[in-house]
Amino acid sequence: MIVLDVRRLRLLRELKLRGTLAGVALALNQSPSSVSQQLALLEAEVGVELLRKSGRRVQLTAQAEILVEHTAAVLERLELAEADLDASLHQATGVVRIAVFQSAALALMPAALSLLAAEHPRLRVEMTQREPETALYETWARDFDLVIAEQYPGHAAPHHPELDRLNLTTDALRLAVPDAPWPRDAGGPDFWRITSLEEAADAAWVMEPRGAASRHWAEQACRQAGFEPDVRFETADLQAQMRLVESGNAIALMPDLVWTDRGTTARLIDLPSAPRRSVFTSVRRASAARPGIIACREVLARVAAAPAAALLLPLR
């Protein structure tokens, strides 16, 4: 009779997800040689070949793929068991690892962390900044317990079958321009005051790097307005984008959440279709009943609702 070790089965599944022994070792804080030894023992336990060398990498055999599929189900059942056990204690304890994108980290997390510390002192919350697409995958892969992600109009966030989705808030997307008139030519005296997206065709833009959903959405919005944006500055740091706008060096399409709890000298101009970005949380369904997860989501919902008035900045 074969007795399978769940820890070794998990290593096999991690190899399927990460692609290399080094990737598995890094994700699980083990050495590559230890991972290799454990997988060799698993191979001996089942009595069939599980891995084949392919250049410098290894590939899973058909039999290994069968084990990986069953391992995913086993891990899900174990996570459900842990969640039910936690729920029976009626207290938020343990660790919740949260992945969050930058504007949510700035606008939501400071107040949320303060409330969680006051109301759930036995709960440890760990936060890491991640881009939403990457964070959703890493939450599905069990690197994180909860992800705060975003979705732009006309763009669907990546779907992972084991993750749920709970809407947190929405915020308006607007054109942010310097308060001062914009020069038509760097060396000329002709200036104009931007009042619409169409009038921004000749301005210098700042956007996130290519590949980000926000960049694709912003480019499409400009093209629908009849021009190709002159993107002179690229940065994923929204605070840097804000400074470039406020200092008169660039304009940008930005979500209202970035202005929460701060004033700005920039003018925020409504767009004709009044587009809004969706902000949501996702967790693995097997862990959704954990008191710590429930506490984090409940506090985040309160914080997301609280600053609504602060987002209504005066437009000039």
C-alpha atoms as a PDB file:
ATOM      1  CA  MET A   1       0.000   0.000   0.000  1.00  0.00           C
ATOM      2  CA  ILE A   2       1.362   3.431  -0.999  1.00  0.00           C
ATOM      3  CA  VAL A   3       1.258   6.135   1.681  1.00  0.00           C
ATOM      4  CA  LEU A   4       1.752   9.528   0.084  1.00  0.00           C
ATOM      5  CA  ASP A   5       3.389  12.406   1.957  1.00  0.00           C
ATOM      6  CA  VAL A   6       1.334  15.573   1.489  1.00  0.00           C
ATOM      7  CA  ARG A   7       4.396  17.780   1.963  1.00  0.00           C
ATOM      8  CA  ARG A   8       6.172  16.059  -0.914  1.00  0.00           C
ATOM      9  CA  LEU A   9       3.059  16.195  -3.049  1.00  0.00           C
ATOM     10  CA  ARG A  10       2.947  19.931  -2.448  1.00  0.00           C
ATOM     11  CA  LEU A  11       6.531  20.216  -3.708  1.00  0.00           C
ATOM     12  CA  LEU A  12       5.460  18.494  -6.916  1.00  0.00           C
ATOM     13  CA  ARG A  13       2.558  20.927  -7.351  1.00  0.00           C
ATOM     14  CA  GLU A  14       4.859  23.862  -6.641  1.00  0.00           C
ATOM     15  CA  LEU A  15       7.193  22.605  -9.368  1.00  0.00           C
ATOM     16  CA  LYS A  16       4.251  22.624 -11.762  1.00  0.00           C
ATOM     17  CA  LEU A  17       3.484  26.231 -10.768  1.00  0.00           C
ATOM     18  CA  ARG A  18       7.020  27.642 -10.527  1.00  0.00           C
ATOM     19  CA  GLY A  19       8.666  25.752 -13.378  1.00  0.00           C
ATOM     20  CA  THR A  20      12.072  25.159 -11.770  1.00  0.00           C
ATOM     21  CA  LEU A  21      13.499  23.537  -8.637  1.00  0.00           C
ATOM     22  CA  ALA A  22      15.123  26.879  -7.784  1.00  0.00           C
ATOM     23  CA  GLY A  23      11.730  28.584  -7.998  1.00  0.00           C
ATOM     24  CA  VAL A  24      10.188  26.022  -5.655  1.00  0.00           C
ATOM     25  CA  ALA A  25      13.084  26.379  -3.213  1.00  0.00           C
ATOM     26  CA  LEU A  26      12.752  30.166  -3.179  1.00  0.00           C
ATOM     27  CA  ALA A  27       8.980  30.076  -2.678  1.00  0.00           C
ATOM     28  CA  LEU A  28       9.181  27.608   0.214  1.00  0.00           C
ATOM     29  CA  ASN A  29      12.446  28.828   1.815  1.00  0.00           C
ATOM     30  CA  GLN A  30      14.251  25.576   1.135  1.00  0.00           C
ATOM     31  CA  SER A  31      17.431  24.695  -0.717  1.00  0.00           C
ATOM     32  CA  PRO A  32      17.191  23.312  -4.270  1.00  0.00           C
ATOM     33  CA  SER A  33      19.021  20.143  -3.167  1.00  0.00           C
ATOM     34  CA  SER A  34      16.457  19.546  -0.387  1.00  0.00           C
ATOM     35  CA  VAL A  35      13.581  19.974  -2.852  1.00  0.00           C
ATOM     36  CA  SER A  36      15.263  17.571  -5.274  1.00  0.00           C
ATOM     37  CA  GLN A  37      15.807  14.965  -2.537  1.00  0.00           C
ATOM     38  CA  GLN A  38      12.183  15.143  -1.388  1.00  0.00           C
ATOM     39  CA  LEU A  39      10.893  14.730  -4.930  1.00  0.00           C
ATOM     40  CA  ALA A  40      13.208  11.743  -5.411  1.00  0.00           C
ATOM     41  CA  LEU A  41      11.702  10.173  -2.272  1.00  0.00           C
ATOM     42  CA  LEU A  42       8.201  10.822  -3.642  1.00  0.00           C
ATOM     43  CA  GLU A  43       9.191   9.094  -6.865  1.00  0.00           C
ATOM     44  CA  ALA A  44      10.406   6.108  -4.853  1.00  0.00           C
ATOM     45  CA  GLU A  45       7.147   6.050  -2.872  1.00  0.00           C
ATOM     46  CA  VAL A  46       4.908   5.902  -5.924  1.00  0.00           C
ATOM     47  CA  GLY A  47       7.234   3.632  -7.901  1.00  0.00           C
ATOM     48  CA  VAL A  48       6.954   5.532 -11.205  1.00  0.00           C
ATOM     49  CA  GLU A  49       8.959   8.240 -12.929  1.00  0.00           C
ATOM     50  CA  LEU A  50       7.625  11.694 -12.075  1.00  0.00           C
ATOM     51  CA  LEU A  51      10.284  13.990 -13.529  1.00  0.00           C
ATOM     52  CA  ARG A  52      12.267  14.004 -16.755  1.00  0.00           C
ATOM     53  CA  LYS A  53      15.239  16.238 -17.539  1.00  0.00           C
ATOM     54  CA  SER A  54      14.782  18.692 -20.386  1.00  0.00           C
ATOM     55  CA  GLY A  55      17.980  20.659 -20.796  1.00  0.00           C
ATOM     56  CA  ARG A  56      18.547  22.513 -17.544  1.00  0.00           C
ATOM     57  CA  ARG A  57      14.917  22.144 -16.520  1.00  0.00           C
ATOM     58  CA  VAL A  58      12.752  19.215 -15.505  1.00  0.00           C
ATOM     59  CA  GLN A  59       9.361  18.269 -16.911  1.00  0.00           C
ATOM     60  CA  LEU A  60       6.507  16.507 -15.154  1.00  0.00           C
ATOM     61  CA  THR A  61       5.445  13.150 -16.550  1.00  0.00           C
ATOM     62  CA  ALA A  62       1.808  12.248 -17.204  1.00  0.00           C
ATOM     63  CA  GLN A  63       1.746  10.400 -13.873  1.00  0.00           C
ATOM     64  CA  ALA A  64       3.082  13.484 -12.072  1.00  0.00           C
ATOM     65  CA  GLU A  65       0.325  15.600 -13.661  1.00  0.00           C
ATOM     66  CA  ILE A  66      -2.269  13.187 -12.216  1.00  0.00           C
ATOM     67  CA  LEU A  67      -0.766  13.579  -8.748  1.00  0.00           C
ATOM     68  CA  VAL A  68      -0.695  17.381  -9.100  1.00  0.00           C
ATOM     69  CA  GLU A  69      -4.395  17.476  -9.942  1.00  0.00           C
ATOM     70  CA  HIS A  70      -5.276  15.428  -6.866  1.00  0.00           C
ATOM     71  CA  THR A  71      -2.848  17.413  -4.703  1.00  0.00           C
ATOM     72  CA  ALA A  72      -4.694  20.636  -5.501  1.00  0.00           C
ATOM     73  CA  ALA A  73      -7.918  19.048  -4.247  1.00  0.00           C
ATOM     74  CA  VAL A  74      -6.193  17.720  -1.105  1.00  0.00           C
ATOM     75  CA  LEU A  75      -4.697  21.134  -0.281  1.00  0.00           C
ATOM     76  CA  GLU A  76      -8.074  22.773  -0.780  1.00  0.00           C
ATOM     77  CA  ARG A  77      -9.716  20.320   1.637  1.00  0.00           C
ATOM     78  CA  LEU A  78      -6.967  20.914   4.205  1.00  0.00           C
ATOM     79  CA  GLU A  79      -7.419  24.673   3.876  1.00  0.00           C
ATOM     80  CA  LEU A  80     -11.185  24.250   4.382  1.00  0.00           C
ATOM     81  CA  ALA A  81     -10.487  22.201   7.499  1.00  0.00           C
ATOM     82  CA  GLU A  82      -8.158  24.887   8.855  1.00  0.00           C
ATOM     83  CA  ALA A  83     -10.737  27.592   8.108  1.00  0.00           C
ATOM     84  CA  ASP A  84     -13.495  25.652   9.885  1.00  0.00           C
ATOM     85  CA  LEU A  85     -11.223  25.102  12.872  1.00  0.00           C
ATOM     86  CA  ASP A  86     -10.350  28.803  13.027  1.00  0.00           C
ATOM     87  CA  ALA A  87     -14.020  29.756  12.684  1.00  0.00           C
ATOM     88  CA  SER A  88     -14.947  27.547  15.631  1.00  0.00           C
ATOM     89  CA  LEU A  89     -12.721  29.690  17.866  1.00  0.00           C
ATOM     90  CA  HIS A  90     -14.618  32.898  16.936  1.00  0.00           C
ATOM     91  CA  GLN A  91     -11.398  34.931  17.072  1.00  0.00           C
ATOM     92  CA  ALA A  92      -9.233  36.481  14.392  1.00  0.00           C
ATOM     93  CA  THR A  93      -5.792  35.026  15.047  1.00  0.00           C
ATOM     94  CA  GLY A  94      -2.798  33.860  13.061  1.00  0.00           C
ATOM     95  CA  VAL A  95      -1.337  35.549   9.993  1.00  0.00           C
ATOM     96  CA  VAL A  96      -3.061  37.101   6.974  1.00  0.00           C
ATOM     97  CA  ARG A  97      -0.733  37.899   4.054  1.00  0.00           C
ATOM     98  CA  ILE A  98      -2.148  40.687   1.880  1.00  0.00           C
ATOM     99  CA  ALA A  99      -1.021  41.679  -1.625  1.00  0.00           C
ATOM    100  CA  VAL A 100      -2.074  45.180  -2.661  1.00  0.00           C
ATOM    101  CA  PHE A 101      -1.466  47.622  -5.519  1.00  0.00           C
ATOM    102  CA  GLN A 102       0.020  51.034  -4.804  1.00  0.00           C
ATOM    103  CA  SER A 103      -2.956  53.411  -4.724  1.00  0.00           C
ATOM    104  CA  ALA A 104      -4.880  51.054  -2.436  1.00  0.00           C
ATOM    105  CA  ALA A 105      -1.793  50.675  -0.243  1.00  0.00           C
ATOM    106  CA  LEU A 106      -1.659  54.457   0.124  1.00  0.00           C
ATOM    107  CA  ALA A 107      -5.365  55.194   0.496  1.00  0.00           C
ATOM    108  CA  LEU A 108      -6.777  52.166   2.333  1.00  0.00           C
ATOM    109  CA  MET A 109      -4.118  50.203   4.178  1.00  0.00           C
ATOM    110  CA  PRO A 110      -2.860  52.678   6.828  1.00  0.00           C
ATOM    111  CA  ALA A 111      -6.335  53.140   8.337  1.00  0.00           C
ATOM    112  CA  ALA A 112      -7.192  49.462   7.861  1.00  0.00           C
ATOM    113  CA  LEU A 113      -4.043  48.310   9.653  1.00  0.00           C
ATOM    114  CA  SER A 114      -4.710  50.672  12.559  1.00  0.00           C
ATOM    115  CA  LEU A 115      -8.268  49.387  12.961  1.00  0.00           C
ATOM    116  CA  LEU A 116      -7.177  45.751  12.723  1.00  0.00           C
ATOM    117  CA  ALA A 117      -4.491  46.286  15.371  1.00  0.00           C
ATOM    118  CA  ALA A 118      -7.021  47.892  17.718  1.00  0.00           C
ATOM    119  CA  GLU A 119      -9.907  45.485  17.138  1.00  0.00           C
ATOM    120  CA  HIS A 120      -8.028  42.221  16.486  1.00  0.00           C
ATOM    121  CA  PRO A 121      -4.755  42.435  18.454  1.00  0.00           C
ATOM    122  CA  ARG A 122      -4.015  38.705  18.056  1.00  0.00           C
ATOM    123  CA  LEU A 123      -4.106  38.943  14.250  1.00  0.00           C
ATOM    124  CA  ARG A 124      -0.825  39.545  12.416  1.00  0.00           C
ATOM    125  CA  VAL A 125      -1.236  41.248   9.033  1.00  0.00           C
ATOM    126  CA  GLU A 126       1.605  41.248   6.514  1.00  0.00           C
ATOM    127  CA  MET A 127       1.367  43.482   3.430  1.00  0.00           C
ATOM    128  CA  THR A 128       3.314  43.354   0.160  1.00  0.00           C
ATOM    129  CA  GLN A 129       2.892  45.671  -2.812  1.00  0.00           C
ATOM    130  CA  ARG A 130       2.195  43.770  -6.027  1.00  0.00           C
ATOM    131  CA  GLU A 131       0.682  44.498  -9.418  1.00  0.00           C
ATOM    132  CA  PRO A 132      -2.883  43.083  -9.506  1.00  0.00           C
ATOM    133  CA  GLU A 133      -2.324  40.568 -12.317  1.00  0.00           C
ATOM    134  CA  THR A 134       0.690  39.061 -10.544  1.00  0.00           C
ATOM    135  CA  ALA A 135      -0.954  39.229  -7.109  1.00  0.00           C
ATOM    136  CA  LEU A 136      -4.065  37.335  -8.208  1.00  0.00           C
ATOM    137  CA  TYR A 137      -1.926  34.487  -9.514  1.00  0.00           C
ATOM    138  CA  GLU A 138       0.251  34.468  -6.400  1.00  0.00           C
ATOM    139  CA  THR A 139      -2.831  34.366  -4.152  1.00  0.00           C
ATOM    140  CA  TRP A 140      -4.147  31.403  -6.128  1.00  0.00           C
ATOM    141  CA  ALA A 141      -0.688  29.800  -5.736  1.00  0.00           C
ATOM    142  CA  ARG A 142      -0.910  30.352  -1.935  1.00  0.00           C
ATOM    143  CA  ASP A 143       1.830  32.968  -1.677  1.00  0.00           C
ATOM    144  CA  PHE A 144      -0.784  35.367  -0.244  1.00  0.00           C
ATOM    145  CA  ASP A 145      -4.084  34.932   1.601  1.00  0.00           C
ATOM    146  CA  LEU A 146      -5.896  38.028   0.330  1.00  0.00           C
ATOM    147  CA  VAL A 147      -5.369  40.319  -2.634  1.00  0.00           C
ATOM    148  CA  ILE A 148      -6.695  43.824  -3.238  1.00  0.00           C
ATOM    149  CA  ALA A 149      -6.911  44.160  -7.021  1.00  0.00           C
ATOM    150  CA  GLU A 150      -8.292  46.543  -9.628  1.00  0.00           C
ATOM    151  CA  GLN A 151     -10.153  46.354 -12.921  1.00  0.00           C
ATOM    152  CA  TYR A 152     -10.293  49.101 -15.526  1.00  0.00           C
ATOM    153  CA  PRO A 153     -13.296  49.673 -17.811  1.00  0.00           C
ATOM    154  CA  GLY A 154     -13.273  47.232 -20.699  1.00  0.00           C
ATOM    155  CA  HIS A 155     -10.559  45.091 -19.097  1.00  0.00           C
ATOM    156  CA  ALA A 156     -11.263  41.827 -17.298  1.00  0.00           C
ATOM    157  CA  ALA A 157      -8.974  40.948 -14.393  1.00  0.00           C
ATOM    158  CA  PRO A 158      -7.353  37.487 -14.645  1.00  0.00           C
ATOM    159  CA  HIS A 159      -9.659  34.671 -13.534  1.00  0.00           C
ATOM    160  CA  HIS A 160      -8.521  31.843 -11.266  1.00  0.00           C
ATOM    161  CA  PRO A 161     -11.181  29.226 -10.442  1.00  0.00           C
ATOM    162  CA  GLU A 162     -10.281  28.831  -6.758  1.00  0.00           C
ATOM    163  CA  LEU A 163     -10.544  32.577  -6.032  1.00  0.00           C
ATOM    164  CA  ASP A 164     -13.705  34.453  -5.117  1.00  0.00           C
ATOM    165  CA  ARG A 165     -14.273  38.145  -5.726  1.00  0.00           C
ATOM    166  CA  LEU A 166     -15.859  40.736  -3.435  1.00  0.00           C
ATOM    167  CA  ASN A 167     -16.310  44.301  -4.682  1.00  0.00           C
ATOM    168  CA  LEU A 168     -14.716  46.860  -2.370  1.00  0.00           C
ATOM    169  CA  THR A 169     -15.263  50.227  -4.043  1.00  0.00           C
ATOM    170  CA  THR A 170     -15.107  52.116  -7.332  1.00  0.00           C
ATOM    171  CA  ASP A 171     -13.419  55.390  -8.125  1.00  0.00           C
ATOM    172  CA  ALA A 172     -13.637  57.839 -10.993  1.00  0.00           C
ATOM    173  CA  LEU A 173     -10.918  58.043 -13.634  1.00  0.00           C
ATOM    174  CA  ARG A 174     -10.114  61.635 -14.550  1.00  0.00           C
ATOM    175  CA  LEU A 175      -7.655  63.729 -16.481  1.00  0.00           C
ATOM    176  CA  ALA A 176      -5.119  65.346 -14.138  1.00  0.00           C
ATOM    177  CA  VAL A 177      -3.455  68.500 -15.502  1.00  0.00           C
ATOM    178  CA  PRO A 178      -1.283  71.244 -14.014  1.00  0.00           C
ATOM    179  CA  ASP A 179      -3.144  74.287 -12.804  1.00  0.00           C
ATOM    180  CA  ALA A 180      -0.962  76.579 -14.938  1.00  0.00           C
ATOM    181  CA  PRO A 181      -1.520  76.966 -18.687  1.00  0.00           C
ATOM    182  CA  TRP A 182       0.342  74.466 -20.858  1.00  0.00           C
ATOM    183  CA  PRO A 183       2.981  75.679 -23.397  1.00  0.00           C
ATOM    184  CA  ARG A 184       2.270  74.618 -26.973  1.00  0.00           C
ATOM    185  CA  ASP A 185       5.981  74.688 -27.751  1.00  0.00           C
ATOM    186  CA  ALA A 186       8.837  74.456 -25.278  1.00  0.00           C
ATOM    187  CA  GLY A 187      10.500  77.508 -26.814  1.00  0.00           C
ATOM    188  CA  GLY A 188       7.464  79.533 -27.840  1.00  0.00           C
ATOM    189  CA  PRO A 189       5.166  81.996 -26.106  1.00  0.00           C
ATOM    190  CA  ASP A 190       1.891  80.283 -27.046  1.00  0.00           C
ATOM    191  CA  PHE A 191       0.051  78.742 -24.068  1.00  0.00           C
ATOM    192  CA  TRP A 192      -3.312  77.088 -23.647  1.00  0.00           C
ATOM    193  CA  ARG A 193      -5.401  75.909 -20.725  1.00  0.00           C
ATOM    194  CA  ILE A 194      -6.406  72.248 -21.062  1.00  0.00           C
ATOM    195  CA  THR A 195     -10.088  71.696 -20.305  1.00  0.00           C
ATOM    196  CA  SER A 196     -10.751  68.352 -22.027  1.00  0.00           C
ATOM    197  CA  LEU A 197      -9.010  65.159 -23.112  1.00  0.00           C
ATOM    198  CA  GLU A 198      -9.112  66.254 -26.771  1.00  0.00           C
ATOM    199  CA  GLU A 199      -7.177  69.405 -25.895  1.00  0.00           C
ATOM    200  CA  ALA A 200      -4.378  67.282 -24.379  1.00  0.00           C
ATOM    201  CA  ALA A 201      -3.245  65.893 -27.743  1.00  0.00           C
ATOM    202  CA  ASP A 202      -0.009  67.950 -27.836  1.00  0.00           C
ATOM    203  CA  ALA A 203       0.899  67.680 -24.165  1.00  0.00           C
ATOM    204  CA  ALA A 204       3.565  65.522 -22.516  1.00  0.00           C
ATOM    205  CA  TRP A 205       2.122  62.490 -20.733  1.00  0.00           C
ATOM    206  CA  VAL A 206       3.166  60.267 -17.841  1.00  0.00           C
ATOM    207  CA  MET A 207       1.856  56.694 -17.752  1.00  0.00           C
ATOM    208  CA  GLU A 208       2.632  53.361 -16.180  1.00  0.00           C
ATOM    209  CA  PRO A 209       4.957  51.022 -18.125  1.00  0.00           C
ATOM    210  CA  ARG A 210       3.553  48.988 -21.004  1.00  0.00           C
ATOM    211  CA  GLY A 211       1.766  45.820 -19.932  1.00  0.00           C
ATOM    212  CA  ALA A 212      -0.157  47.469 -17.094  1.00  0.00           C
ATOM    213  CA  ALA A 213      -3.936  47.519 -17.495  1.00  0.00           C
ATOM    214  CA  SER A 214      -3.976  51.211 -16.594  1.00  0.00           C
ATOM    215  CA  ARG A 215      -1.532  51.987 -19.433  1.00  0.00           C
ATOM    216  CA  HIS A 216      -3.588  50.099 -22.004  1.00  0.00           C
ATOM    217  CA  TRP A 217      -6.803  51.777 -20.843  1.00  0.00           C
ATOM    218  CA  ALA A 218      -5.229  55.261 -20.915  1.00  0.00           C
ATOM    219  CA  GLU A 219      -3.820  54.758 -24.401  1.00  0.00           C
ATOM    220  CA  GLN A 220      -7.190  53.569 -25.675  1.00  0.00           C
ATOM    221  CA  ALA A 221      -8.932  56.581 -24.105  1.00  0.00           C
ATOM    222  CA  CYS A 222      -6.529  58.924 -25.904  1.00  0.00           C
ATOM    223  CA  ARG A 223      -6.954  57.120 -29.232  1.00  0.00           C
ATOM    224  CA  GLN A 224     -10.730  57.306 -28.905  1.00  0.00           C
ATOM    225  CA  ALA A 225     -10.277  61.064 -28.407  1.00  0.00           C
ATOM    226  CA  GLY A 226      -8.416  61.190 -31.730  1.00  0.00           C
ATOM    227  CA  PHE A 227      -4.721  61.255 -30.870  1.00  0.00           C
ATOM    228  CA  GLU A 228      -1.722  59.131 -29.887  1.00  0.00           C
ATOM    229  CA  PRO A 229      -0.378  60.281 -26.495  1.00  0.00           C
ATOM    230  CA  ASP A 230       3.174  61.610 -26.325  1.00  0.00           C
ATOM    231  CA  VAL A 231       4.332  59.451 -23.396  1.00  0.00           C
ATOM    232  CA  ARG A 232       7.586  61.048 -22.298  1.00  0.00           C
ATOM    233  CA  PHE A 233       7.624  59.641 -18.768  1.00  0.00           C
ATOM    234  CA  GLU A 234       7.000  56.072 -17.600  1.00  0.00           C
ATOM    235  CA  THR A 235       6.757  55.054 -13.951  1.00  0.00           C
ATOM    236  CA  ALA A 236       4.696  52.606 -11.929  1.00  0.00           C
ATOM    237  CA  ASP A 237       5.031  54.941  -8.936  1.00  0.00           C
ATOM    238  CA  LEU A 238       1.786  56.913  -8.800  1.00  0.00           C
ATOM    239  CA  GLN A 239       3.252  59.379  -6.321  1.00  0.00           C
ATOM    240  CA  ALA A 240       5.914  60.217  -8.888  1.00  0.00           C
ATOM    241  CA  GLN A 241       3.171  60.667 -11.491  1.00  0.00           C
ATOM    242  CA  MET A 242       1.308  63.028  -9.185  1.00  0.00           C
ATOM    243  CA  ARG A 243       4.437  65.128  -8.632  1.00  0.00           C
ATOM    244  CA  LEU A 244       5.095  65.353 -12.368  1.00  0.00           C
ATOM    245  CA  VAL A 245       1.551  66.625 -12.932  1.00  0.00           C
ATOM    246  CA  GLU A 246       1.596  69.080 -10.038  1.00  0.00           C
ATOM    247  CA  SER A 247       4.997  70.454 -11.069  1.00  0.00           C
ATOM    248  CA  GLY A 248       3.726  71.208 -14.567  1.00  0.00           C
ATOM    249  CA  ASN A 249       5.831  68.619 -16.402  1.00  0.00           C
ATOM    250  CA  ALA A 250       3.154  66.164 -17.507  1.00  0.00           C
ATOM    251  CA  ILE A 251      -0.518  65.253 -17.554  1.00  0.00           C
ATOM    252  CA  ALA A 252      -2.072  61.887 -16.721  1.00  0.00           C
ATOM    253  CA  LEU A 253      -5.239  59.857 -16.480  1.00  0.00           C
ATOM    254  CA  MET A 254      -5.504  58.894 -12.826  1.00  0.00           C
ATOM    255  CA  PRO A 255      -7.978  57.235 -10.444  1.00  0.00           C
ATOM    256  CA  ASP A 256      -9.486  59.338  -7.665  1.00  0.00           C
ATOM    257  CA  LEU A 257      -8.190  56.994  -4.976  1.00  0.00           C
ATOM    258  CA  VAL A 258      -4.668  58.422  -5.367  1.00  0.00           C
ATOM    259  CA  TRP A 259      -5.830  61.809  -4.071  1.00  0.00           C
ATOM    260  CA  THR A 260      -7.395  60.445  -0.871  1.00  0.00           C
ATOM    261  CA  ASP A 261      -6.300  62.278   2.306  1.00  0.00           C
ATOM    262  CA  ARG A 262      -4.172  64.811   0.395  1.00  0.00           C
ATOM    263  CA  GLY A 263      -4.776  68.065  -1.357  1.00  0.00           C
ATOM    264  CA  THR A 264      -3.513  68.786  -4.845  1.00  0.00           C
ATOM    265  CA  THR A 265      -2.714  71.777  -7.006  1.00  0.00           C
ATOM    266  CA  ALA A 266      -3.650  69.758 -10.099  1.00  0.00           C
ATOM    267  CA  ARG A 267      -6.955  70.263 -11.872  1.00  0.00           C
ATOM    268  CA  LEU A 268      -9.038  67.100 -12.195  1.00  0.00           C
ATOM    269  CA  ILE A 269     -11.169  67.066 -15.329  1.00  0.00           C
ATOM    270  CA  ASP A 270     -14.131  64.724 -15.766  1.00  0.00           C
ATOM    271  CA  LEU A 271     -14.154  62.515 -18.852  1.00  0.00           C
ATOM    272  CA  PRO A 272     -17.256  62.369 -21.098  1.00  0.00           C
ATOM    273  CA  SER A 273     -18.161  58.736 -20.376  1.00  0.00           C
ATOM    274  CA  ALA A 274     -17.503  59.121 -16.607  1.00  0.00           C
ATOM    275  CA  PRO A 275     -15.381  55.912 -16.473  1.00  0.00           C
ATOM    276  CA  ARG A 276     -14.811  54.229 -13.126  1.00  0.00           C
ATOM    277  CA  ARG A 277     -12.257  51.722 -11.930  1.00  0.00           C
ATOM    278  CA  SER A 278     -13.403  48.764  -9.805  1.00  0.00           C
ATOM    279  CA  VAL A 279     -11.435  47.785  -6.693  1.00  0.00           C
ATOM    280  CA  PHE A 280     -12.086  44.334  -5.228  1.00  0.00           C
ATOM    281  CA  THR A 281     -10.682  41.713  -2.888  1.00  0.00           C
ATOM    282  CA  SER A 282     -10.109  38.060  -3.690  1.00  0.00           C
ATOM    283  CA  VAL A 283      -9.260  35.096  -1.494  1.00  0.00           C
ATOM    284  CA  ARG A 284      -9.215  31.353  -2.034  1.00  0.00           C
ATOM    285  CA  ARG A 285     -12.750  30.107  -1.439  1.00  0.00           C
ATOM    286  CA  ALA A 286     -11.383  27.442   0.900  1.00  0.00           C
ATOM    287  CA  SER A 287     -10.091  30.131   3.288  1.00  0.00           C
ATOM    288  CA  ALA A 288     -12.935  32.654   2.991  1.00  0.00           C
ATOM    289  CA  ALA A 289     -14.475  31.599   6.321  1.00  0.00           C
ATOM    290  CA  ARG A 290     -11.312  32.195   8.345  1.00  0.00           C
ATOM    291  CA  PRO A 291     -12.015  34.834  11.018  1.00  0.00           C
ATOM    292  CA  GLY A 292      -8.825  36.672  10.076  1.00  0.00           C
ATOM    293  CA  ILE A 293      -9.891  36.905   6.429  1.00  0.00           C
ATOM    294  CA  ILE A 294     -13.392  38.024   7.408  1.00  0.00           C
ATOM    295  CA  ALA A 295     -11.955  40.664   9.760  1.00  0.00           C
ATOM    296  CA  CYS A 296      -9.661  42.071   7.071  1.00  0.00           C
ATOM    297  CA  ARG A 297     -12.444  42.274   4.515  1.00  0.00           C
ATOM    298  CA  GLU A 298     -14.865  43.880   6.954  1.00  0.00           C
ATOM    299  CA  VAL A 299     -12.352  46.540   7.998  1.00  0.00           C
ATOM    300  CA  LEU A 300     -11.329  47.231   4.404  1.00  0.00           C
ATOM    301  CA  ALA A 301     -14.989  47.737   3.459  1.00  0.00           C
ATOM    302  CA  ARG A 302     -15.405  50.272   6.279  1.00  0.00           C
ATOM    303  CA  VAL A 303     -12.268  52.171   5.300  1.00  0.00           C
ATOM    304  CA  ALA A 304     -13.194  52.144   1.599  1.00  0.00           C
ATOM    305  CA  ALA A 305     -16.581  53.665   2.420  1.00  0.00           C
ATOM    306  CA  ALA A 306     -15.214  56.283   4.834  1.00  0.00           C
ATOM    307  CA  PRO A 307     -13.124  58.476   2.527  1.00  0.00           C
ATOM    308  CA  ALA A 308     -15.827  58.910  -0.111  1.00  0.00           C
ATOM    309  CA  ALA A 309     -16.251  62.584   0.791  1.00  0.00           C
ATOM    310  CA  ALA A 310     -12.499  63.177   0.644  1.00  0.00           C
ATOM    311  CA  LEU A 311     -12.464  62.077  -2.987  1.00  0.00           C
ATOM    312  CA  LEU A 312     -14.735  64.958  -3.998  1.00  0.00           C
ATOM    313  CA  LEU A 313     -11.925  67.461  -4.499  1.00  0.00           C
ATOM    314  CA  PRO A 314     -12.771  70.865  -5.973  1.00  0.00           C
ATOM    315  CA  LEU A 315     -12.299  71.010  -9.741  1.00  0.00           C
ATOM    316  CA  ARG A 316     -11.046  74.314 -11.101  1.00  0.00           C
END
